[in-house]
Amino acid sequence: MNQPVHTMEGWSWSDCGSPTDAIQLKSISLYPDPPKPGQDLTVTVVGTAQERVEDGAYANVVVKLGLIRLLSKRFDVCEEARNANATIQCPVEQGDYTVVETVALPKEIPQAKFTVAVEGYTKDEEDLLCLDLKVDFMKNPFPRFGW
């Protein structure tokens, strides 16, 4: 399915899933935008659960720096939500949701372009969501000054 790419300064996201996925993403916003190494990053995700999400749902996440794979890991969605003390916990009932989470970005993030691919599945192996993120930490931090 050909979904639009939502581009902001220094990052973009696209929903690579289908209209039948259990989770439909409406928007993702970051503060600060663009993200800055060494600062807290607040991520706000707005979406709809088209069906109940229960324990056993998982996400395969692949993080790449250019062509180099930095991380390839399966995450238990409900366990991660519990461990992060997220505002939404499993089971997640059908409905519209806004999730706000803050994470600390390490100051050691290299000036590079990262891609993050997320493929999520329900406990029954049905498609949960698909998300592609691109983050560019190569952006000039002082564009107004021409540095």
Protein backbone atom coordinates (compact mmCIF):
# COMPACT_ATOMS: atom_id res chain seq x y z
CA MET A 1 0.00 0.00 0.00
CA ASN A 2 1.36 3.41 -0.90
CA GLN A 3 1.13 5.63 2.18
CA PRO A 4 2.29 9.25 2.36
CA VAL A 5 5.61 10.04 3.97
CA HIS A 6 5.26 12.64 6.72
CA THR A 7 8.38 14.79 6.62
CA MET A 8 9.52 17.20 9.31
CA GLU A 9 12.85 18.97 9.74
CA GLY A 10 15.42 16.26 10.34
CA TRP A 11 13.06 13.28 10.44
CA SER A 12 10.15 11.59 8.69
CA TRP A 13 7.76 8.69 9.20
CA SER A 14 5.51 6.60 7.05
CA ASP A 15 2.86 4.03 7.86
CA CYS A 16 3.87 0.98 5.82
CA GLY A 17 0.90 -1.02 7.05
CA SER A 18 -2.52 -1.66 5.58
CA PRO A 19 -5.99 -0.34 6.46
CA THR A 20 -6.72 -3.67 8.15
CA ASP A 21 -3.83 -3.41 10.65
CA ALA A 22 -5.00 -3.49 14.27
CA ILE A 23 -3.30 -0.12 14.95
CA GLN A 24 -3.79 2.81 12.58
CA LEU A 25 -1.32 5.66 13.07
CA LYS A 26 -2.68 9.18 12.59
CA SER A 27 0.28 11.32 13.62
CA ILE A 28 3.67 11.32 15.30
CA SER A 29 5.23 14.47 16.71
CA LEU A 30 8.51 15.13 18.49
CA TYR A 31 9.72 17.76 20.91
CA PRO A 32 12.22 19.16 20.38
CA ASP A 33 11.78 18.96 16.62
CA PRO A 34 14.24 18.05 15.26
CA PRO A 35 15.57 15.76 18.02
CA LYS A 36 18.87 16.76 19.62
CA PRO A 37 21.49 14.39 21.04
CA GLY A 38 21.93 14.74 24.80
CA GLN A 39 18.40 16.07 25.36
CA ASP A 40 15.13 14.50 26.43
CA LEU A 41 12.89 13.66 23.49
CA THR A 42 9.12 13.67 23.94
CA VAL A 43 7.26 11.58 21.39
CA THR A 44 3.51 11.95 20.90
CA VAL A 45 1.74 9.28 18.87
CA VAL A 46 -1.94 9.53 17.92
CA GLY A 47 -3.66 6.44 16.61
CA THR A 48 -6.63 4.13 16.65
CA ALA A 49 -6.85 0.58 17.92
CA GLN A 50 -9.21 -1.12 15.49
CA GLU A 51 -9.17 -4.27 17.60
CA ARG A 52 -8.13 -5.26 21.10
CA VAL A 53 -4.37 -5.58 21.68
CA GLU A 54 -3.51 -8.23 24.27
CA ASP A 55 -0.49 -9.76 25.98
CA GLY A 56 1.54 -11.61 23.39
CA ALA A 57 1.63 -8.75 20.89
CA TYR A 58 5.17 -8.03 19.75
CA ALA A 59 7.20 -5.77 17.47
CA ASN A 60 10.29 -6.55 15.43
CA VAL A 61 12.50 -3.44 15.39
CA VAL A 62 15.50 -2.91 13.13
CA VAL A 63 17.69 0.19 13.57
CA LYS A 64 20.26 1.00 10.91
CA LEU A 65 23.00 3.60 10.63
CA GLY A 66 23.23 4.02 6.89
CA LEU A 67 23.46 0.42 5.68
CA ILE A 68 24.85 -0.91 8.97
CA ARG A 69 22.39 -2.76 11.21
CA LEU A 70 22.81 -1.53 14.79
CA LEU A 71 19.87 -3.34 16.36
CA SER A 72 17.51 -6.11 15.38
CA LYS A 73 15.28 -7.10 18.25
CA ARG A 74 11.85 -8.44 19.07
CA PHE A 75 10.03 -6.49 21.78
CA ASP A 76 7.05 -7.69 23.78
CA VAL A 77 4.72 -4.71 23.31
CA CYS A 78 2.79 -5.15 26.55
CA GLU A 79 5.87 -5.88 28.65
CA GLU A 80 7.64 -2.79 27.27
CA ALA A 81 4.58 -0.67 28.12
CA ARG A 82 4.56 -2.05 31.67
CA ASN A 83 8.31 -1.51 32.15
CA ALA A 84 8.08 2.07 30.84
CA ASN A 85 5.07 2.75 33.07
CA ALA A 86 3.32 3.91 29.89
CA THR A 87 -0.01 5.70 30.09
CA ILE A 88 -1.62 2.89 28.07
CA GLN A 89 -1.38 -0.70 29.28
CA CYS A 90 -2.53 -4.04 27.87
CA PRO A 91 -5.11 -5.06 27.13
CA VAL A 92 -5.74 -2.05 24.88
CA GLU A 93 -9.39 -1.83 23.92
CA GLN A 94 -10.67 -0.49 20.60
CA GLY A 95 -10.67 3.29 20.37
CA ASP A 96 -8.63 6.42 19.75
CA TYR A 97 -5.48 6.97 21.78
CA THR A 98 -2.76 9.54 22.31
CA VAL A 99 0.46 8.19 23.78
CA VAL A 100 3.12 10.57 25.11
CA GLU A 101 6.51 9.19 26.16
CA THR A 102 9.77 10.95 26.99
CA VAL A 103 13.16 9.31 26.46
CA ALA A 104 16.67 10.59 27.10
CA LEU A 105 18.77 10.69 23.93
CA PRO A 106 22.46 9.97 24.52
CA LYS A 107 24.76 12.85 23.67
CA GLU A 108 27.03 10.36 21.91
CA ILE A 109 24.62 9.91 18.97
CA PRO A 110 26.82 10.26 15.88
CA GLN A 111 26.06 12.81 13.19
CA ALA A 112 24.48 10.33 10.81
CA LYS A 113 21.23 9.20 9.23
CA PHE A 114 19.32 6.47 11.04
CA THR A 115 16.41 4.36 9.87
CA VAL A 116 14.06 2.48 12.16
CA ALA A 117 11.71 -0.19 10.83
CA VAL A 118 8.95 -1.46 13.12
CA GLU A 119 6.72 -4.41 12.24
CA GLY A 120 4.20 -5.30 14.91
CA TYR A 121 2.02 -8.37 15.27
CA THR A 122 -0.86 -9.39 17.50
CA LYS A 123 -0.73 -12.43 19.76
CA ASP A 124 -2.45 -14.30 16.91
CA GLU A 125 0.28 -13.29 14.40
CA GLU A 126 -2.04 -10.81 12.64
CA ASP A 127 -0.59 -7.50 11.45
CA LEU A 128 -0.57 -4.95 14.27
CA LEU A 129 1.24 -2.05 12.58
CA CYS A 130 4.11 -1.17 10.29
CA LEU A 131 6.16 2.00 10.71
CA ASP A 132 9.23 3.36 8.96
CA LEU A 133 11.16 6.20 10.65
CA LYS A 134 14.09 8.16 9.32
CA VAL A 135 16.09 10.47 11.59
CA ASP A 136 18.90 12.68 10.32
CA PHE A 137 21.35 13.78 13.01
CA MET A 138 23.61 15.28 10.31
CA LYS A 139 21.55 18.45 10.18
CA ASN A 140 23.48 21.64 10.81
CA PRO A 141 22.62 22.73 14.39
CA PHE A 142 23.16 26.40 13.49
CA PRO A 143 21.55 26.88 10.06
CA ARG A 144 20.87 30.59 10.62
CA PHE A 145 24.54 31.30 11.15
CA GLY A 146 25.81 29.31 8.18
CA TRP A 147 28.14 27.19 10.33
